[in-house]
Amino acid sequence: MTTLALLALGVAALAPLVLAAPRGPRWMSQWAAPIVVVLALAVAAVAASAAAPVTGFALAATLVLCVAAAITGGAPLVLAAFRIARRQPDAGSDPRPDAGPLRGGRIIGLLERAAVAVSILAAWPEGIAVVLAVKGLARYPELREPHASEQFIIGTFTSVLWAIAVCGTGRALIT
């Protein structure tokens, strides 16, 4: 079961990189990566719940794969959350996934997920509060622009929840 969990975490880490290239129908390029990463994480979580605690190489692999899956897997999920939010009646009409007043969000999201993942795997949940406080204070001046607060909240919540879910699976393998 440990091997299955690690393989599924690897799929969750690599799928966004492999499926990022736009091929085939538009819906497939937009939804393939989020669906694959969520399904891979579900398989990893089920396998991790039935696995014995990992040690040695499996422990190192668990830590690396959890951080990698948290970093790469969150990006397609955030974009999917923006697409879903844009379909709501009060959403704007801009079809671009990266449209909005907040610049640098993709890089900040990668760093945010990495910091949250490391905090959880290091058993220091207070680190999540530090990350969110720093991000909120840094973005505070920009949050007054139209739709900025919604973009900030949707992106941050999706990103952090994904990192917590991935690292929760990692903690299940570790303990």
C-alpha atoms as a PDB file:
ATOM      1  CA  MET A   1       0.000   0.000   0.000  1.00  0.00           C
ATOM      2  CA  THR A   2       2.912   2.332   0.662  1.00  0.00           C
ATOM      3  CA  THR A   3       4.123   1.896  -2.910  1.00  0.00           C
ATOM      4  CA  LEU A   4       0.669   2.639  -4.291  1.00  0.00           C
ATOM      5  CA  ALA A   5       0.395   5.772  -2.148  1.00  0.00           C
ATOM      6  CA  LEU A   6       3.807   7.005  -3.276  1.00  0.00           C
ATOM      7  CA  LEU A   7       3.015   6.288  -6.930  1.00  0.00           C
ATOM      8  CA  ALA A   8      -0.278   8.171  -6.638  1.00  0.00           C
ATOM      9  CA  LEU A   9       1.501  11.122  -5.007  1.00  0.00           C
ATOM     10  CA  GLY A  10       3.974  11.049  -7.896  1.00  0.00           C
ATOM     11  CA  VAL A  11       1.093  11.154 -10.375  1.00  0.00           C
ATOM     12  CA  ALA A  12      -0.414  14.109  -8.490  1.00  0.00           C
ATOM     13  CA  ALA A  13       2.952  15.887  -8.682  1.00  0.00           C
ATOM     14  CA  LEU A  14       3.666  15.159 -12.358  1.00  0.00           C
ATOM     15  CA  ALA A  15       0.187  15.309 -13.923  1.00  0.00           C
ATOM     16  CA  PRO A  16      -0.019  19.131 -13.956  1.00  0.00           C
ATOM     17  CA  LEU A  17       3.338  19.313 -15.718  1.00  0.00           C
ATOM     18  CA  VAL A  18       2.426  16.674 -18.305  1.00  0.00           C
ATOM     19  CA  LEU A  19      -1.141  17.850 -18.894  1.00  0.00           C
ATOM     20  CA  ALA A  20      -0.301  21.570 -18.994  1.00  0.00           C
ATOM     21  CA  ALA A  21       0.272  21.635 -22.745  1.00  0.00           C
ATOM     22  CA  PRO A  22      -2.945  22.574 -24.550  1.00  0.00           C
ATOM     23  CA  ARG A  23      -3.927  19.621 -26.760  1.00  0.00           C
ATOM     24  CA  GLY A  24      -7.217  18.290 -27.867  1.00  0.00           C
ATOM     25  CA  PRO A  25     -10.506  19.967 -27.023  1.00  0.00           C
ATOM     26  CA  ARG A  26     -10.447  23.072 -24.837  1.00  0.00           C
ATOM     27  CA  TRP A  27     -12.453  21.466 -22.020  1.00  0.00           C
ATOM     28  CA  MET A  28      -9.934  18.633 -21.839  1.00  0.00           C
ATOM     29  CA  SER A  29      -6.952  20.953 -21.492  1.00  0.00           C
ATOM     30  CA  GLN A  30      -8.764  22.941 -18.783  1.00  0.00           C
ATOM     31  CA  TRP A  31     -10.166  20.080 -16.716  1.00  0.00           C
ATOM     32  CA  ALA A  32      -7.837  17.096 -17.255  1.00  0.00           C
ATOM     33  CA  ALA A  33      -5.138  18.186 -14.786  1.00  0.00           C
ATOM     34  CA  PRO A  34      -7.500  19.123 -11.913  1.00  0.00           C
ATOM     35  CA  ILE A  35      -9.427  15.865 -12.278  1.00  0.00           C
ATOM     36  CA  VAL A  36      -6.286  13.726 -12.462  1.00  0.00           C
ATOM     37  CA  VAL A  37      -4.631  15.359  -9.427  1.00  0.00           C
ATOM     38  CA  VAL A  38      -7.757  15.030  -7.287  1.00  0.00           C
ATOM     39  CA  LEU A  39      -8.215  11.374  -8.247  1.00  0.00           C
ATOM     40  CA  ALA A  40      -4.519  10.649  -7.678  1.00  0.00           C
ATOM     41  CA  LEU A  41      -4.685  12.244  -4.238  1.00  0.00           C
ATOM     42  CA  ALA A  42      -7.800  10.224  -3.400  1.00  0.00           C
ATOM     43  CA  VAL A  43      -5.994   6.993  -4.322  1.00  0.00           C
ATOM     44  CA  ALA A  44      -2.949   8.086  -2.302  1.00  0.00           C
ATOM     45  CA  ALA A  45      -5.090   8.913   0.730  1.00  0.00           C
ATOM     46  CA  VAL A  46      -6.911   5.579   0.681  1.00  0.00           C
ATOM     47  CA  ALA A  47      -3.642   3.659   0.257  1.00  0.00           C
ATOM     48  CA  ALA A  48      -1.924   5.724   2.965  1.00  0.00           C
ATOM     49  CA  SER A  49      -4.680   4.994   5.444  1.00  0.00           C
ATOM     50  CA  ALA A  50      -4.012   1.266   5.074  1.00  0.00           C
ATOM     51  CA  ALA A  51      -0.200   1.469   5.019  1.00  0.00           C
ATOM     52  CA  ALA A  52       2.239   0.955   7.849  1.00  0.00           C
ATOM     53  CA  PRO A  53       4.318   3.990   8.923  1.00  0.00           C
ATOM     54  CA  VAL A  54       7.163   4.627   6.502  1.00  0.00           C
ATOM     55  CA  THR A  55      10.854   4.730   7.354  1.00  0.00           C
ATOM     56  CA  GLY A  56      14.118   5.142   5.511  1.00  0.00           C
ATOM     57  CA  PHE A  57      13.900   5.777   1.780  1.00  0.00           C
ATOM     58  CA  ALA A  58      10.091   5.631   1.801  1.00  0.00           C
ATOM     59  CA  LEU A  59      10.040   8.408   4.408  1.00  0.00           C
ATOM     60  CA  ALA A  60      12.293  10.617   2.279  1.00  0.00           C
ATOM     61  CA  ALA A  61      10.239   9.831  -0.821  1.00  0.00           C
ATOM     62  CA  THR A  62       7.043  10.680   1.060  1.00  0.00           C
ATOM     63  CA  LEU A  63       8.372  14.079   2.123  1.00  0.00           C
ATOM     64  CA  VAL A  64       9.677  14.980  -1.345  1.00  0.00           C
ATOM     65  CA  LEU A  65       6.558  13.765  -3.174  1.00  0.00           C
ATOM     66  CA  CYS A  66       4.215  15.536  -0.762  1.00  0.00           C
ATOM     67  CA  VAL A  67       5.946  18.872  -1.206  1.00  0.00           C
ATOM     68  CA  ALA A  68       6.143  18.380  -4.991  1.00  0.00           C
ATOM     69  CA  ALA A  69       2.472  17.375  -5.251  1.00  0.00           C
ATOM     70  CA  ALA A  70       1.426  20.282  -3.030  1.00  0.00           C
ATOM     71  CA  ILE A  71       3.359  22.771  -5.166  1.00  0.00           C
ATOM     72  CA  THR A  72       2.478  21.566  -8.662  1.00  0.00           C
ATOM     73  CA  GLY A  73      -0.985  20.134  -8.050  1.00  0.00           C
ATOM     74  CA  GLY A  74      -2.424  23.310  -6.605  1.00  0.00           C
ATOM     75  CA  ALA A  75      -1.990  25.426  -9.736  1.00  0.00           C
ATOM     76  CA  PRO A  76      -4.558  23.619 -11.922  1.00  0.00           C
ATOM     77  CA  LEU A  77      -6.978  23.473  -9.012  1.00  0.00           C
ATOM     78  CA  VAL A  78      -6.752  27.222  -8.436  1.00  0.00           C
ATOM     79  CA  LEU A  79      -7.393  27.869 -12.130  1.00  0.00           C
ATOM     80  CA  ALA A  80     -10.351  25.470 -12.027  1.00  0.00           C
ATOM     81  CA  ALA A  81     -11.736  27.278  -8.967  1.00  0.00           C
ATOM     82  CA  PHE A  82     -11.450  30.593 -10.841  1.00  0.00           C
ATOM     83  CA  ARG A  83     -13.286  29.095 -13.839  1.00  0.00           C
ATOM     84  CA  ILE A  84     -16.062  27.810 -11.581  1.00  0.00           C
ATOM     85  CA  ALA A  85     -16.329  31.167  -9.779  1.00  0.00           C
ATOM     86  CA  ARG A  86     -16.470  32.999 -13.107  1.00  0.00           C
ATOM     87  CA  ARG A  87     -19.573  30.982 -14.073  1.00  0.00           C
ATOM     88  CA  GLN A  88     -21.513  32.393 -11.142  1.00  0.00           C
ATOM     89  CA  PRO A  89     -24.137  35.068 -11.965  1.00  0.00           C
ATOM     90  CA  ASP A  90     -22.172  37.855 -10.267  1.00  0.00           C
ATOM     91  CA  ALA A  91     -18.875  36.958 -11.941  1.00  0.00           C
ATOM     92  CA  GLY A  92     -17.153  39.171 -14.455  1.00  0.00           C
ATOM     93  CA  SER A  93     -17.197  38.415 -18.153  1.00  0.00           C
ATOM     94  CA  ASP A  94     -13.406  38.150 -18.636  1.00  0.00           C
ATOM     95  CA  PRO A  95     -12.696  34.620 -19.886  1.00  0.00           C
ATOM     96  CA  ARG A  96      -8.940  34.674 -19.200  1.00  0.00           C
ATOM     97  CA  PRO A  97      -7.959  32.483 -16.211  1.00  0.00           C
ATOM     98  CA  ASP A  98      -5.227  34.853 -15.069  1.00  0.00           C
ATOM     99  CA  ALA A  99      -7.238  38.043 -15.472  1.00  0.00           C
ATOM    100  CA  GLY A 100      -7.460  40.200 -12.423  1.00  0.00           C
ATOM    101  CA  PRO A 101      -5.762  42.897 -10.453  1.00  0.00           C
ATOM    102  CA  LEU A 102      -3.354  40.667  -8.521  1.00  0.00           C
ATOM    103  CA  ARG A 103      -0.085  40.131 -10.371  1.00  0.00           C
ATOM    104  CA  GLY A 104       2.481  37.481  -9.541  1.00  0.00           C
ATOM    105  CA  GLY A 105      -0.174  35.215  -8.077  1.00  0.00           C
ATOM    106  CA  ARG A 106       1.120  32.023  -9.681  1.00  0.00           C
ATOM    107  CA  ILE A 107       4.607  32.355  -8.232  1.00  0.00           C
ATOM    108  CA  ILE A 108       3.248  33.475  -4.876  1.00  0.00           C
ATOM    109  CA  GLY A 109       0.903  30.471  -4.920  1.00  0.00           C
ATOM    110  CA  LEU A 110       3.800  28.075  -5.540  1.00  0.00           C
ATOM    111  CA  LEU A 111       5.756  29.572  -2.657  1.00  0.00           C
ATOM    112  CA  GLU A 112       2.668  29.603  -0.443  1.00  0.00           C
ATOM    113  CA  ARG A 113       1.931  25.908  -1.062  1.00  0.00           C
ATOM    114  CA  ALA A 114       5.577  25.008  -0.469  1.00  0.00           C
ATOM    115  CA  ALA A 115       5.625  26.867   2.851  1.00  0.00           C
ATOM    116  CA  VAL A 116       2.316  25.345   3.976  1.00  0.00           C
ATOM    117  CA  ALA A 117       3.478  21.854   2.995  1.00  0.00           C
ATOM    118  CA  VAL A 118       6.769  22.192   4.855  1.00  0.00           C
ATOM    119  CA  SER A 119       4.957  23.577   7.908  1.00  0.00           C
ATOM    120  CA  ILE A 120       2.567  20.634   8.026  1.00  0.00           C
ATOM    121  CA  LEU A 121       5.201  17.990   7.396  1.00  0.00           C
ATOM    122  CA  ALA A 122       7.414  19.555  10.060  1.00  0.00           C
ATOM    123  CA  ALA A 123       4.471  19.334  12.498  1.00  0.00           C
ATOM    124  CA  TRP A 124       4.439  23.119  12.883  1.00  0.00           C
ATOM    125  CA  PRO A 125       0.864  24.164  11.991  1.00  0.00           C
ATOM    126  CA  GLU A 126       1.529  27.677  13.270  1.00  0.00           C
ATOM    127  CA  GLY A 127       3.585  28.123  10.101  1.00  0.00           C
ATOM    128  CA  ILE A 128       0.349  28.216   8.111  1.00  0.00           C
ATOM    129  CA  ALA A 129      -0.781  31.246  10.111  1.00  0.00           C
ATOM    130  CA  VAL A 130       2.571  32.942   9.486  1.00  0.00           C
ATOM    131  CA  VAL A 131       2.334  32.283   5.727  1.00  0.00           C
ATOM    132  CA  LEU A 132      -1.229  33.590   5.505  1.00  0.00           C
ATOM    133  CA  ALA A 133      -0.431  36.650   7.626  1.00  0.00           C
ATOM    134  CA  VAL A 134       2.579  37.564   5.495  1.00  0.00           C
ATOM    135  CA  LYS A 135       0.603  37.068   2.296  1.00  0.00           C
ATOM    136  CA  GLY A 136      -2.345  39.108   3.581  1.00  0.00           C
ATOM    137  CA  LEU A 137      -0.150  41.972   4.734  1.00  0.00           C
ATOM    138  CA  ALA A 138       1.831  41.995   1.493  1.00  0.00           C
ATOM    139  CA  ARG A 139      -1.326  42.034  -0.654  1.00  0.00           C
ATOM    140  CA  TYR A 140      -3.316  44.432   1.530  1.00  0.00           C
ATOM    141  CA  PRO A 141      -2.767  47.563  -0.630  1.00  0.00           C
ATOM    142  CA  GLU A 142      -3.919  45.701  -3.770  1.00  0.00           C
ATOM    143  CA  LEU A 143      -7.085  44.245  -2.238  1.00  0.00           C
ATOM    144  CA  ARG A 144      -9.087  47.456  -2.752  1.00  0.00           C
ATOM    145  CA  GLU A 145      -9.137  47.052  -6.533  1.00  0.00           C
ATOM    146  CA  PRO A 146     -12.322  45.594  -8.091  1.00  0.00           C
ATOM    147  CA  HIS A 147     -12.526  41.790  -7.741  1.00  0.00           C
ATOM    148  CA  ALA A 148      -9.129  41.636  -6.025  1.00  0.00           C
ATOM    149  CA  SER A 149     -10.443  40.395  -2.694  1.00  0.00           C
ATOM    150  CA  GLU A 150     -12.469  37.636  -4.367  1.00  0.00           C
ATOM    151  CA  GLN A 151      -9.472  36.542  -6.414  1.00  0.00           C
ATOM    152  CA  PHE A 152      -7.297  36.617  -3.293  1.00  0.00           C
ATOM    153  CA  ILE A 153      -9.714  34.553  -1.207  1.00  0.00           C
ATOM    154  CA  ILE A 154     -10.512  31.967  -3.882  1.00  0.00           C
ATOM    155  CA  GLY A 155      -6.866  31.499  -4.818  1.00  0.00           C
ATOM    156  CA  THR A 156      -5.580  31.380  -1.260  1.00  0.00           C
ATOM    157  CA  PHE A 157      -8.237  29.001   0.057  1.00  0.00           C
ATOM    158  CA  THR A 158      -7.932  26.623  -2.878  1.00  0.00           C
ATOM    159  CA  SER A 159      -4.158  26.672  -2.671  1.00  0.00           C
ATOM    160  CA  VAL A 160      -3.941  26.152   1.082  1.00  0.00           C
ATOM    161  CA  LEU A 161      -6.655  23.494   1.194  1.00  0.00           C
ATOM    162  CA  TRP A 162      -4.864  21.527  -1.522  1.00  0.00           C
ATOM    163  CA  ALA A 163      -1.538  21.707   0.328  1.00  0.00           C
ATOM    164  CA  ILE A 164      -3.234  20.607   3.560  1.00  0.00           C
ATOM    165  CA  ALA A 165      -4.936  17.678   1.821  1.00  0.00           C
ATOM    166  CA  VAL A 166      -1.706  16.485   0.210  1.00  0.00           C
ATOM    167  CA  CYS A 167       0.289  16.795   3.407  1.00  0.00           C
ATOM    168  CA  GLY A 168      -2.466  15.162   5.403  1.00  0.00           C
ATOM    169  CA  THR A 169      -1.966  12.159   3.153  1.00  0.00           C
ATOM    170  CA  GLY A 170       1.779  12.409   3.781  1.00  0.00           C
ATOM    171  CA  ARG A 171       1.226  12.565   7.532  1.00  0.00           C
ATOM    172  CA  ALA A 172      -0.945   9.436   7.255  1.00  0.00           C
ATOM    173  CA  LEU A 173       2.020   7.662   5.668  1.00  0.00           C
ATOM    174  CA  ILE A 174       4.458   8.964   8.258  1.00  0.00           C
ATOM    175  CA  THR A 175       2.452   8.179  11.398  1.00  0.00           C
END
